[in-house]
Amino acid sequence: MRPNIPPKSRPVDIVLSPVDNTLLANLCGALDENIRQIETAFDVAISRRGERFTVRGEQANRAAQAIEHFYVLAREPLSVDDIQLGLIELTNAPVRRVSAGESPADGPQLVTRKAELHGRTPRQIEYLKAIQAHDITFGIGPAGTGKTYLAVASAVDAFERDLVERIILTRPAVEAGERLGFLPGDLAQKVDPYLRPLYDALYDLMGYDRVSKLYEKGAIEIAPLAFMRGRTLNHAFIILDEAQNTTPEQMKMFLTRIGIGAKAVVTGDLTQVDLPKGQKSGLREAREVLAGVRGLAFTEFLKEDVVRHPLVARIVAAYEGHHAAEQKT
């Protein structure tokens, strides 16, 4: 479906130079798929004839800058992922232009299997710096902002640099009661689907074989939050994911598990609380109670930090607008 372009918007014409058919092919992608991604991100319509592009829409100037930006980077074929991630960086830093051969990476560089991994938005960079500088860091914000993935990447980085001896990933399994009682298997097997996103992030950053070996050795542990009770976690990098679904008691229990040489990251989205109605979120209370405590860091992500398909940020914005309108009525 083509964007809904206002009739009075003035088109922007650009001519890419020097003309190079290989660069043009790499820029546009198969069946102009990369151009379609730029259209979606800026809600514009783009037409082209050879190296000449015409852009129509309220954000035509920004879309034209994006086309010129990617043309410089098109010495190699650009995948849809390259375009989508690049668009996020442009959206958050539109005045910054990348020259040929320059790396767009900024902020802390992490040692993982993905050498190109880095913060894509100012708040992601701030988040990575906070994790490195503090023993306990909170990452709060909507889905798709990289809270969990960057936390796992930071854990892998700390492990690879021998700064910690173990990686421990945990989630509150709020659905692990009666709603899962009909499923076969023991408790670990019942809650495994809710821990799967943590496995997927580790596999992506370390590889399946290495994660499996480290898991067998106990160097990596993935478990429901209830399994943390009564333990003291030393020399470990601990991540509590989906923390909006903790109770205040569970959150206090988790934070007091932190031992010598340990680092913890707590992530959650306060707009997606699955606790019973009337039950206060432990993450919400922690943000209120611990806001003034030295040694802790809080990073609040916004819809602009969403690092997924360009439509996701607009979906988040639409829901925010809808909820705000409901509250006024």
C-alpha atoms as a PDB file:
ATOM      1  CA  MET A   1       0.000   0.000   0.000  1.00  0.00           C
ATOM      2  CA  ARG A   2       1.359   3.391  -1.015  1.00  0.00           C
ATOM      3  CA  PRO A   3       1.749   6.134   1.616  1.00  0.00           C
ATOM      4  CA  ASN A   4      -1.081   8.655   1.985  1.00  0.00           C
ATOM      5  CA  ILE A   5       0.683  11.751   0.642  1.00  0.00           C
ATOM      6  CA  PRO A   6      -0.822  15.207   1.346  1.00  0.00           C
ATOM      7  CA  PRO A   7      -1.644  16.931  -1.982  1.00  0.00           C
ATOM      8  CA  LYS A   8       0.205  20.165  -1.141  1.00  0.00           C
ATOM      9  CA  SER A   9       3.561  18.597  -0.236  1.00  0.00           C
ATOM     10  CA  ARG A  10       6.321  19.719  -2.578  1.00  0.00           C
ATOM     11  CA  PRO A  11       8.336  16.931  -4.217  1.00  0.00           C
ATOM     12  CA  VAL A  12      12.082  16.761  -3.681  1.00  0.00           C
ATOM     13  CA  ASP A  13      14.268  15.821  -6.655  1.00  0.00           C
ATOM     14  CA  ILE A  14      17.778  14.426  -6.221  1.00  0.00           C
ATOM     15  CA  VAL A  15      20.382  13.191  -8.679  1.00  0.00           C
ATOM     16  CA  LEU A  16      22.962  10.752  -7.332  1.00  0.00           C
ATOM     17  CA  SER A  17      26.528  11.255  -8.470  1.00  0.00           C
ATOM     18  CA  PRO A  18      28.906  10.009  -9.576  1.00  0.00           C
ATOM     19  CA  VAL A  19      26.604   7.708 -11.499  1.00  0.00           C
ATOM     20  CA  ASP A  20      27.451   4.058 -10.858  1.00  0.00           C
ATOM     21  CA  ASN A  21      25.022   1.294 -11.814  1.00  0.00           C
ATOM     22  CA  THR A  22      26.522  -1.095  -9.253  1.00  0.00           C
ATOM     23  CA  LEU A  23      26.022   1.413  -6.433  1.00  0.00           C
ATOM     24  CA  LEU A  24      22.480   2.048  -7.606  1.00  0.00           C
ATOM     25  CA  ALA A  25      21.687  -1.676  -7.648  1.00  0.00           C
ATOM     26  CA  ASN A  26      23.168  -2.129  -4.172  1.00  0.00           C
ATOM     27  CA  LEU A  27      21.240   0.881  -2.894  1.00  0.00           C
ATOM     28  CA  CYS A  28      17.854  -0.134  -4.278  1.00  0.00           C
ATOM     29  CA  GLY A  29      18.055  -3.853  -3.535  1.00  0.00           C
ATOM     30  CA  ALA A  30      16.093  -6.621  -5.232  1.00  0.00           C
ATOM     31  CA  LEU A  31      12.850  -5.250  -6.718  1.00  0.00           C
ATOM     32  CA  ASP A  32      13.612  -1.884  -5.061  1.00  0.00           C
ATOM     33  CA  GLU A  33      12.959  -3.444  -1.631  1.00  0.00           C
ATOM     34  CA  ASN A  34      15.410  -1.070   0.085  1.00  0.00           C
ATOM     35  CA  ILE A  35      13.620   1.932  -1.398  1.00  0.00           C
ATOM     36  CA  ARG A  36      10.332   0.559  -0.060  1.00  0.00           C
ATOM     37  CA  GLN A  37      11.880   0.437   3.417  1.00  0.00           C
ATOM     38  CA  ILE A  38      12.826   4.122   3.169  1.00  0.00           C
ATOM     39  CA  GLU A  39       9.277   4.918   2.015  1.00  0.00           C
ATOM     40  CA  THR A  40       7.814   3.111   5.021  1.00  0.00           C
ATOM     41  CA  ALA A  41      10.200   4.716   7.515  1.00  0.00           C
ATOM     42  CA  PHE A  42       9.432   8.296   6.442  1.00  0.00           C
ATOM     43  CA  ASP A  43       5.885   7.774   5.118  1.00  0.00           C
ATOM     44  CA  VAL A  44       6.785   9.119   1.661  1.00  0.00           C
ATOM     45  CA  ALA A  45       6.471   8.004  -1.957  1.00  0.00           C
ATOM     46  CA  ILE A  46       9.667   7.566  -3.999  1.00  0.00           C
ATOM     47  CA  SER A  47       9.912   7.217  -7.753  1.00  0.00           C
ATOM     48  CA  ARG A  48      13.108   6.941  -9.761  1.00  0.00           C
ATOM     49  CA  ARG A  49      14.460   6.881 -13.253  1.00  0.00           C
ATOM     50  CA  GLY A  50      18.054   5.717 -13.235  1.00  0.00           C
ATOM     51  CA  GLU A  51      20.036   7.920 -10.853  1.00  0.00           C
ATOM     52  CA  ARG A  52      17.193  10.492 -10.578  1.00  0.00           C
ATOM     53  CA  PHE A  53      14.842  10.189  -7.590  1.00  0.00           C
ATOM     54  CA  THR A  54      11.676  12.111  -6.774  1.00  0.00           C
ATOM     55  CA  VAL A  55      10.400  12.015  -3.204  1.00  0.00           C
ATOM     56  CA  ARG A  56       6.928  13.182  -2.148  1.00  0.00           C
ATOM     57  CA  GLY A  57       5.671  13.562   1.398  1.00  0.00           C
ATOM     58  CA  GLU A  58       5.986  15.695   4.509  1.00  0.00           C
ATOM     59  CA  GLN A  59       9.370  14.141   5.312  1.00  0.00           C
ATOM     60  CA  ALA A  60      10.631  14.210   1.721  1.00  0.00           C
ATOM     61  CA  ASN A  61      13.816  16.097   2.632  1.00  0.00           C
ATOM     62  CA  ARG A  62      14.801  13.568   5.288  1.00  0.00           C
ATOM     63  CA  ALA A  63      14.034  10.652   2.960  1.00  0.00           C
ATOM     64  CA  ALA A  64      16.163  12.266   0.240  1.00  0.00           C
ATOM     65  CA  GLN A  65      19.042  12.639   2.719  1.00  0.00           C
ATOM     66  CA  ALA A  66      18.657   8.963   3.597  1.00  0.00           C
ATOM     67  CA  ILE A  67      18.903   7.952  -0.081  1.00  0.00           C
ATOM     68  CA  GLU A  68      22.113   9.984  -0.473  1.00  0.00           C
ATOM     69  CA  HIS A  69      23.455   8.532   2.785  1.00  0.00           C
ATOM     70  CA  PHE A  70      22.928   4.928   1.711  1.00  0.00           C
ATOM     71  CA  TYR A  71      24.318   5.582  -1.769  1.00  0.00           C
ATOM     72  CA  VAL A  72      27.658   6.445  -0.140  1.00  0.00           C
ATOM     73  CA  LEU A  73      27.557   3.137   1.760  1.00  0.00           C
ATOM     74  CA  ALA A  74      26.479   1.000  -1.219  1.00  0.00           C
ATOM     75  CA  ARG A  75      29.909  -0.259  -2.272  1.00  0.00           C
ATOM     76  CA  GLU A  76      28.623  -3.629  -1.068  1.00  0.00           C
ATOM     77  CA  PRO A  77      25.035  -4.889  -1.435  1.00  0.00           C
ATOM     78  CA  LEU A  78      22.823  -3.416   1.282  1.00  0.00           C
ATOM     79  CA  SER A  79      20.430  -5.856   2.925  1.00  0.00           C
ATOM     80  CA  VAL A  80      17.037  -4.935   4.338  1.00  0.00           C
ATOM     81  CA  ASP A  81      18.623  -5.234   7.809  1.00  0.00           C
ATOM     82  CA  ASP A  82      21.337  -2.745   6.812  1.00  0.00           C
ATOM     83  CA  ILE A  83      18.693  -0.287   5.645  1.00  0.00           C
ATOM     84  CA  GLN A  84      16.419  -0.669   8.683  1.00  0.00           C
ATOM     85  CA  LEU A  85      19.263  -0.328  11.205  1.00  0.00           C
ATOM     86  CA  GLY A  86      20.748   2.581   9.257  1.00  0.00           C
ATOM     87  CA  LEU A  87      17.379   4.331   9.206  1.00  0.00           C
ATOM     88  CA  ILE A  88      17.194   4.102  12.986  1.00  0.00           C
ATOM     89  CA  GLU A  89      20.581   5.778  13.293  1.00  0.00           C
ATOM     90  CA  LEU A  90      19.580   8.494  10.827  1.00  0.00           C
ATOM     91  CA  THR A  91      16.284   9.088  12.620  1.00  0.00           C
ATOM     92  CA  ASN A  92      18.060   9.621  15.931  1.00  0.00           C
ATOM     93  CA  ALA A  93      20.977  11.629  14.540  1.00  0.00           C
ATOM     94  CA  PRO A  94      19.739  13.149  11.252  1.00  0.00           C
ATOM     95  CA  VAL A  95      22.480  15.777  11.043  1.00  0.00           C
ATOM     96  CA  ARG A  96      25.261  13.222  11.152  1.00  0.00           C
ATOM     97  CA  ARG A  97      26.404  12.106   7.717  1.00  0.00           C
ATOM     98  CA  VAL A  98      28.612   9.048   7.301  1.00  0.00           C
ATOM     99  CA  SER A  99      31.411   9.368   4.781  1.00  0.00           C
ATOM    100  CA  ALA A 100      32.693   6.540   2.644  1.00  0.00           C
ATOM    101  CA  GLY A 101      34.751   4.107   4.699  1.00  0.00           C
ATOM    102  CA  GLU A 102      33.627   5.607   8.017  1.00  0.00           C
ATOM    103  CA  SER A 103      32.097   3.415  10.690  1.00  0.00           C
ATOM    104  CA  PRO A 104      28.798   4.608  12.181  1.00  0.00           C
ATOM    105  CA  ALA A 105      29.585   2.841  15.452  1.00  0.00           C
ATOM    106  CA  ASP A 106      29.621   4.962  18.581  1.00  0.00           C
ATOM    107  CA  GLY A 107      29.831   4.296  22.282  1.00  0.00           C
ATOM    108  CA  PRO A 108      31.171   1.108  23.911  1.00  0.00           C
ATOM    109  CA  GLN A 109      32.321  -1.652  21.570  1.00  0.00           C
ATOM    110  CA  LEU A 110      31.286  -5.091  22.801  1.00  0.00           C
ATOM    111  CA  VAL A 111      33.169  -8.375  22.394  1.00  0.00           C
ATOM    112  CA  THR A 112      30.583 -10.738  20.925  1.00  0.00           C
ATOM    113  CA  ARG A 113      30.220 -12.890  17.828  1.00  0.00           C
ATOM    114  CA  LYS A 114      28.610  -9.880  16.108  1.00  0.00           C
ATOM    115  CA  ALA A 115      31.498  -7.497  15.547  1.00  0.00           C
ATOM    116  CA  GLU A 116      29.226  -4.713  14.274  1.00  0.00           C
ATOM    117  CA  LEU A 117      27.102  -4.624  17.439  1.00  0.00           C
ATOM    118  CA  HIS A 118      26.849  -1.161  18.997  1.00  0.00           C
ATOM    119  CA  GLY A 119      24.300   1.309  20.303  1.00  0.00           C
ATOM    120  CA  ARG A 120      22.072   2.597  17.502  1.00  0.00           C
ATOM    121  CA  THR A 121      20.417   5.489  19.350  1.00  0.00           C
ATOM    122  CA  PRO A 122      21.690   7.996  21.950  1.00  0.00           C
ATOM    123  CA  ARG A 123      19.764   6.246  24.714  1.00  0.00           C
ATOM    124  CA  GLN A 124      21.108   2.833  23.697  1.00  0.00           C
ATOM    125  CA  ILE A 125      24.645   4.233  23.905  1.00  0.00           C
ATOM    126  CA  GLU A 126      23.813   5.785  27.287  1.00  0.00           C
ATOM    127  CA  TYR A 127      22.431   2.401  28.416  1.00  0.00           C
ATOM    128  CA  LEU A 128      25.597   0.525  27.426  1.00  0.00           C
ATOM    129  CA  LYS A 129      27.771   3.092  29.196  1.00  0.00           C
ATOM    130  CA  ALA A 130      25.575   2.879  32.307  1.00  0.00           C
ATOM    131  CA  ILE A 131      25.882  -0.912  32.386  1.00  0.00           C
ATOM    132  CA  GLN A 132      29.663  -0.695  32.232  1.00  0.00           C
ATOM    133  CA  ALA A 133      29.850   2.022  34.878  1.00  0.00           C
ATOM    134  CA  HIS A 134      27.341   0.730  37.450  1.00  0.00           C
ATOM    135  CA  ASP A 135      26.819  -2.512  39.340  1.00  0.00           C
ATOM    136  CA  ILE A 136      23.028  -2.322  38.943  1.00  0.00           C
ATOM    137  CA  THR A 137      21.314  -0.790  35.897  1.00  0.00           C
ATOM    138  CA  PHE A 138      17.629  -0.522  35.031  1.00  0.00           C
ATOM    139  CA  GLY A 139      16.481  -0.398  31.400  1.00  0.00           C
ATOM    140  CA  ILE A 140      12.814   0.606  31.141  1.00  0.00           C
ATOM    141  CA  GLY A 141      10.831   1.173  27.954  1.00  0.00           C
ATOM    142  CA  PRO A 142       8.679  -0.257  25.150  1.00  0.00           C
ATOM    143  CA  ALA A 143       9.268  -3.453  23.215  1.00  0.00           C
ATOM    144  CA  GLY A 144      11.900  -3.373  20.497  1.00  0.00           C
ATOM    145  CA  THR A 145      14.224  -0.832  22.103  1.00  0.00           C
ATOM    146  CA  GLY A 146      17.034  -3.349  22.642  1.00  0.00           C
ATOM    147  CA  LYS A 147      16.801  -3.459  26.445  1.00  0.00           C
ATOM    148  CA  THR A 148      17.235  -7.214  26.778  1.00  0.00           C
ATOM    149  CA  TYR A 149      19.444  -7.814  23.746  1.00  0.00           C
ATOM    150  CA  LEU A 150      21.975  -5.135  24.722  1.00  0.00           C
ATOM    151  CA  ALA A 151      21.957  -6.382  28.314  1.00  0.00           C
ATOM    152  CA  VAL A 152      22.747  -9.924  27.128  1.00  0.00           C
ATOM    153  CA  ALA A 153      25.412  -8.522  24.800  1.00  0.00           C
ATOM    154  CA  SER A 154      26.963  -6.667  27.749  1.00  0.00           C
ATOM    155  CA  ALA A 155      26.913  -9.889  29.757  1.00  0.00           C
ATOM    156  CA  VAL A 156      28.654 -11.784  26.953  1.00  0.00           C
ATOM    157  CA  ASP A 157      31.208  -8.963  26.658  1.00  0.00           C
ATOM    158  CA  ALA A 158      31.951  -9.084  30.406  1.00  0.00           C
ATOM    159  CA  PHE A 159      32.283 -12.886  30.281  1.00  0.00           C
ATOM    160  CA  GLU A 160      34.588 -12.839  27.251  1.00  0.00           C
ATOM    161  CA  ARG A 161      36.805 -10.249  28.973  1.00  0.00           C
ATOM    162  CA  ASP A 162      36.934 -12.453  32.126  1.00  0.00           C
ATOM    163  CA  LEU A 163      35.263  -9.724  34.191  1.00  0.00           C
ATOM    164  CA  VAL A 164      32.690 -12.239  35.464  1.00  0.00           C
ATOM    165  CA  GLU A 165      32.672 -16.011  35.861  1.00  0.00           C
ATOM    166  CA  ARG A 166      29.019 -16.697  35.078  1.00  0.00           C
ATOM    167  CA  ILE A 167      26.070 -15.335  33.157  1.00  0.00           C
ATOM    168  CA  ILE A 168      22.702 -15.729  34.877  1.00  0.00           C
ATOM    169  CA  LEU A 169      19.501 -14.827  33.024  1.00  0.00           C
ATOM    170  CA  THR A 170      16.140 -14.903  34.757  1.00  0.00           C
ATOM    171  CA  ARG A 171      12.501 -13.957  34.242  1.00  0.00           C
ATOM    172  CA  PRO A 172       9.434 -14.021  36.473  1.00  0.00           C
ATOM    173  CA  ALA A 173       7.293 -16.898  35.177  1.00  0.00           C
ATOM    174  CA  VAL A 174       3.946 -15.332  35.974  1.00  0.00           C
ATOM    175  CA  GLU A 175       2.156 -17.882  33.784  1.00  0.00           C
ATOM    176  CA  ALA A 176       3.788 -20.870  35.474  1.00  0.00           C
ATOM    177  CA  GLY A 177       0.835 -21.604  37.748  1.00  0.00           C
ATOM    178  CA  GLU A 178      -2.526 -23.097  36.900  1.00  0.00           C
ATOM    179  CA  ARG A 179      -2.482 -21.777  33.324  1.00  0.00           C
ATOM    180  CA  LEU A 180       0.427 -24.091  32.493  1.00  0.00           C
ATOM    181  CA  GLY A 181      -0.668 -27.007  34.630  1.00  0.00           C
ATOM    182  CA  PHE A 182      -2.001 -28.919  31.651  1.00  0.00           C
ATOM    183  CA  LEU A 183       1.367 -28.899  29.865  1.00  0.00           C
ATOM    184  CA  PRO A 184       3.567 -32.012  30.148  1.00  0.00           C
ATOM    185  CA  GLY A 185       6.928 -32.001  31.862  1.00  0.00           C
ATOM    186  CA  ASP A 186       8.451 -30.656  35.041  1.00  0.00           C
ATOM    187  CA  LEU A 187       8.543 -26.976  36.086  1.00  0.00           C
ATOM    188  CA  ALA A 188      11.671 -26.226  34.046  1.00  0.00           C
ATOM    189  CA  GLN A 189      10.048 -27.606  30.907  1.00  0.00           C
ATOM    190  CA  LYS A 190       6.823 -25.717  31.602  1.00  0.00           C
ATOM    191  CA  VAL A 191       8.529 -22.323  31.880  1.00  0.00           C
ATOM    192  CA  ASP A 192      11.061 -22.924  29.086  1.00  0.00           C
ATOM    193  CA  PRO A 193       8.944 -21.113  26.430  1.00  0.00           C
ATOM    194  CA  TYR A 194       9.023 -17.956  28.560  1.00  0.00           C
ATOM    195  CA  LEU A 195      12.817 -18.104  28.796  1.00  0.00           C
ATOM    196  CA  ARG A 196      13.271 -18.794  25.077  1.00  0.00           C
ATOM    197  CA  PRO A 197      13.995 -15.141  24.103  1.00  0.00           C
ATOM    198  CA  LEU A 198      17.002 -15.208  26.440  1.00  0.00           C
ATOM    199  CA  TYR A 199      18.305 -18.386  24.823  1.00  0.00           C
ATOM    200  CA  ASP A 200      17.824 -16.868  21.369  1.00  0.00           C
ATOM    201  CA  ALA A 201      19.853 -13.771  22.280  1.00  0.00           C
ATOM    202  CA  LEU A 202      22.699 -15.908  23.640  1.00  0.00           C
ATOM    203  CA  TYR A 203      22.712 -18.159  20.569  1.00  0.00           C
ATOM    204  CA  ASP A 204      22.890 -15.083  18.348  1.00  0.00           C
ATOM    205  CA  LEU A 205      25.789 -13.549  20.294  1.00  0.00           C
ATOM    206  CA  MET A 206      27.846 -16.635  21.174  1.00  0.00           C
ATOM    207  CA  GLY A 207      26.721 -19.439  18.878  1.00  0.00           C
ATOM    208  CA  TYR A 208      24.643 -22.496  19.721  1.00  0.00           C
ATOM    209  CA  ASP A 209      27.544 -24.902  20.383  1.00  0.00           C
ATOM    210  CA  ARG A 210      29.406 -22.567  22.741  1.00  0.00           C
ATOM    211  CA  VAL A 211      26.261 -21.679  24.685  1.00  0.00           C
ATOM    212  CA  SER A 212      25.408 -25.380  25.057  1.00  0.00           C
ATOM    213  CA  LYS A 213      28.885 -26.207  26.401  1.00  0.00           C
ATOM    214  CA  LEU A 214      28.901 -23.290  28.834  1.00  0.00           C
ATOM    215  CA  TYR A 215      25.400 -24.212  29.979  1.00  0.00           C
ATOM    216  CA  GLU A 216      26.539 -27.753  30.737  1.00  0.00           C
ATOM    217  CA  LYS A 217      29.501 -26.391  32.740  1.00  0.00           C
ATOM    218  CA  GLY A 218      27.262 -24.066  34.738  1.00  0.00           C
ATOM    219  CA  ALA A 219      28.898 -20.935  33.343  1.00  0.00           C
ATOM    220  CA  ILE A 220      25.526 -19.947  31.871  1.00  0.00           C
ATOM    221  CA  GLU A 221      22.313 -20.330  33.836  1.00  0.00           C
ATOM    222  CA  ILE A 222      18.801 -19.499  32.646  1.00  0.00           C
ATOM    223  CA  ALA A 223      16.068 -19.975  35.215  1.00  0.00           C
ATOM    224  CA  PRO A 224      12.769 -18.588  36.534  1.00  0.00           C
ATOM    225  CA  LEU A 225      13.102 -15.843  39.135  1.00  0.00           C
ATOM    226  CA  ALA A 226      11.754 -18.128  41.870  1.00  0.00           C
ATOM    227  CA  PHE A 227      14.948 -20.193  41.568  1.00  0.00           C
ATOM    228  CA  MET A 228      17.020 -17.191  42.749  1.00  0.00           C
ATOM    229  CA  ARG A 229      15.572 -17.161  46.276  1.00  0.00           C
ATOM    230  CA  GLY A 230      18.077 -17.918  49.043  1.00  0.00           C
ATOM    231  CA  ARG A 231      21.144 -17.574  46.816  1.00  0.00           C
ATOM    232  CA  THR A 232      24.036 -15.120  46.842  1.00  0.00           C
ATOM    233  CA  LEU A 233      25.370 -14.511  43.345  1.00  0.00           C
ATOM    234  CA  ASN A 234      29.085 -13.642  43.297  1.00  0.00           C
ATOM    235  CA  HIS A 235      31.248 -12.806  40.260  1.00  0.00           C
ATOM    236  CA  ALA A 236      28.256 -13.107  37.946  1.00  0.00           C
ATOM    237  CA  PHE A 237      26.473 -10.965  35.382  1.00  0.00           C
ATOM    238  CA  ILE A 238      22.777 -11.266  36.211  1.00  0.00           C
ATOM    239  CA  ILE A 239      19.901 -10.082  34.020  1.00  0.00           C
ATOM    240  CA  LEU A 240      16.321  -9.881  35.238  1.00  0.00           C
ATOM    241  CA  ASP A 241      14.117  -9.612  32.148  1.00  0.00           C
ATOM    242  CA  GLU A 242      10.376  -8.783  31.999  1.00  0.00           C
ATOM    243  CA  ALA A 243      10.791  -7.202  35.436  1.00  0.00           C
ATOM    244  CA  GLN A 244       7.440  -5.396  35.155  1.00  0.00           C
ATOM    245  CA  ASN A 245       5.898  -8.748  36.114  1.00  0.00           C
ATOM    246  CA  THR A 246       7.711  -9.002  39.447  1.00  0.00           C
ATOM    247  CA  THR A 247       5.978  -8.203  42.709  1.00  0.00           C
ATOM    248  CA  PRO A 248       7.678  -5.689  45.032  1.00  0.00           C
ATOM    249  CA  GLU A 249       8.758  -8.623  47.229  1.00  0.00           C
ATOM    250  CA  GLN A 250      10.298 -10.465  44.273  1.00  0.00           C
ATOM    251  CA  MET A 251      12.155  -7.359  43.123  1.00  0.00           C
ATOM    252  CA  LYS A 252      13.618  -6.773  46.585  1.00  0.00           C
ATOM    253  CA  MET A 253      14.572 -10.444  46.775  1.00  0.00           C
ATOM    254  CA  PHE A 254      16.371 -10.256  43.440  1.00  0.00           C
ATOM    255  CA  LEU A 255      18.264  -7.034  44.158  1.00  0.00           C
ATOM    256  CA  THR A 256      19.501  -8.398  47.481  1.00  0.00           C
ATOM    257  CA  ARG A 257      20.947 -11.490  45.767  1.00  0.00           C
ATOM    258  CA  ILE A 258      23.745  -9.410  44.230  1.00  0.00           C
ATOM    259  CA  GLY A 259      27.092 -10.547  45.643  1.00  0.00           C
ATOM    260  CA  ILE A 260      30.762  -9.617  45.438  1.00  0.00           C
ATOM    261  CA  GLY A 261      32.056  -8.869  41.932  1.00  0.00           C
ATOM    262  CA  ALA A 262      28.584  -9.125  40.447  1.00  0.00           C
ATOM    263  CA  LYS A 263      26.764  -6.866  37.999  1.00  0.00           C
ATOM    264  CA  ALA A 264      23.012  -6.813  37.430  1.00  0.00           C
ATOM    265  CA  VAL A 265      20.724  -5.403  34.746  1.00  0.00           C
ATOM    266  CA  VAL A 266      16.947  -5.162  35.213  1.00  0.00           C
ATOM    267  CA  THR A 267      14.778  -4.689  32.115  1.00  0.00           C
ATOM    268  CA  GLY A 268      11.053  -4.224  31.669  1.00  0.00           C
ATOM    269  CA  ASP A 269       8.170  -2.450  29.971  1.00  0.00           C
ATOM    270  CA  LEU A 270       5.742  -0.824  32.406  1.00  0.00           C
ATOM    271  CA  THR A 271       3.034  -0.671  29.722  1.00  0.00           C
ATOM    272  CA  GLN A 272       2.851  -4.485  29.538  1.00  0.00           C
ATOM    273  CA  VAL A 273       2.254  -5.644  33.107  1.00  0.00           C
ATOM    274  CA  ASP A 274       0.664  -9.118  33.320  1.00  0.00           C
ATOM    275  CA  LEU A 275       0.245  -9.205  37.102  1.00  0.00           C
ATOM    276  CA  PRO A 276      -3.232  -9.716  38.606  1.00  0.00           C
ATOM    277  CA  LYS A 277      -5.325  -6.564  38.688  1.00  0.00           C
ATOM    278  CA  GLY A 278      -4.517  -4.458  41.731  1.00  0.00           C
ATOM    279  CA  GLN A 279      -1.036  -5.988  42.195  1.00  0.00           C
ATOM    280  CA  LYS A 280       1.696  -3.330  42.072  1.00  0.00           C
ATOM    281  CA  SER A 281       4.649  -3.972  39.783  1.00  0.00           C
ATOM    282  CA  GLY A 282       7.970  -4.459  41.533  1.00  0.00           C
ATOM    283  CA  LEU A 283       9.684  -2.594  38.702  1.00  0.00           C
ATOM    284  CA  ARG A 284       7.412   0.428  39.137  1.00  0.00           C
ATOM    285  CA  GLU A 285       8.060   0.494  42.875  1.00  0.00           C
ATOM    286  CA  ALA A 286      11.822   0.070  42.378  1.00  0.00           C
ATOM    287  CA  ARG A 287      11.882   3.082  40.061  1.00  0.00           C
ATOM    288  CA  GLU A 288      10.181   5.151  42.767  1.00  0.00           C
ATOM    289  CA  VAL A 289      12.118   3.828  45.774  1.00  0.00           C
ATOM    290  CA  LEU A 290      15.603   3.636  44.270  1.00  0.00           C
ATOM    291  CA  ALA A 291      15.612   6.778  42.103  1.00  0.00           C
ATOM    292  CA  GLY A 292      17.919   8.622  44.507  1.00  0.00           C
ATOM    293  CA  VAL A 293      20.229   5.731  45.431  1.00  0.00           C
ATOM    294  CA  ARG A 294      23.843   6.304  44.362  1.00  0.00           C
ATOM    295  CA  GLY A 295      25.497   3.537  42.364  1.00  0.00           C
ATOM    296  CA  LEU A 296      22.348   2.651  40.411  1.00  0.00           C
ATOM    297  CA  ALA A 297      21.525   3.796  36.875  1.00  0.00           C
ATOM    298  CA  PHE A 298      18.153   4.153  35.144  1.00  0.00           C
ATOM    299  CA  THR A 299      17.763   4.404  31.370  1.00  0.00           C
ATOM    300  CA  GLU A 300      14.275   5.276  30.142  1.00  0.00           C
ATOM    301  CA  PHE A 301      13.748   4.251  26.504  1.00  0.00           C
ATOM    302  CA  LEU A 302      11.204   5.919  24.217  1.00  0.00           C
ATOM    303  CA  LYS A 303       9.464   4.880  21.005  1.00  0.00           C
ATOM    304  CA  GLU A 304      12.273   6.621  19.071  1.00  0.00           C
ATOM    305  CA  ASP A 305      14.637   3.896  20.335  1.00  0.00           C
ATOM    306  CA  VAL A 306      12.708   1.023  18.764  1.00  0.00           C
ATOM    307  CA  VAL A 307      15.176  -1.041  16.729  1.00  0.00           C
ATOM    308  CA  ARG A 308      12.832  -3.164  14.670  1.00  0.00           C
ATOM    309  CA  HIS A 309      10.856  -2.840  11.467  1.00  0.00           C
ATOM    310  CA  PRO A 310      10.189   0.889  10.795  1.00  0.00           C
ATOM    311  CA  LEU A 311       6.470   0.273  11.314  1.00  0.00           C
ATOM    312  CA  VAL A 312       6.998  -0.826  14.924  1.00  0.00           C
ATOM    313  CA  ALA A 313       7.906   2.671  16.142  1.00  0.00           C
ATOM    314  CA  ARG A 314       4.813   4.067  14.433  1.00  0.00           C
ATOM    315  CA  ILE A 315       2.641   1.325  15.968  1.00  0.00           C
ATOM    316  CA  VAL A 316       4.010   2.181  19.434  1.00  0.00           C
ATOM    317  CA  ALA A 317       3.328   5.878  18.782  1.00  0.00           C
ATOM    318  CA  ALA A 318      -0.227   5.117  17.628  1.00  0.00           C
ATOM    319  CA  TYR A 319      -0.995   3.145  20.785  1.00  0.00           C
ATOM    320  CA  GLU A 320       0.502   5.890  22.969  1.00  0.00           C
ATOM    321  CA  GLY A 321      -1.682   8.470  21.229  1.00  0.00           C
ATOM    322  CA  HIS A 322      -4.764   6.276  21.605  1.00  0.00           C
ATOM    323  CA  HIS A 323      -4.176   5.713  25.330  1.00  0.00           C
ATOM    324  CA  ALA A 324      -3.538   9.432  25.888  1.00  0.00           C
ATOM    325  CA  ALA A 325      -6.816  10.293  24.141  1.00  0.00           C
ATOM    326  CA  GLU A 326      -8.696   7.709  26.242  1.00  0.00           C
ATOM    327  CA  GLN A 327      -7.352   9.221  29.464  1.00  0.00           C
ATOM    328  CA  LYS A 328      -8.588  12.683  28.482  1.00  0.00           C
ATOM    329  CA  THR A 329     -12.152  11.483  27.856  1.00  0.00           C
END
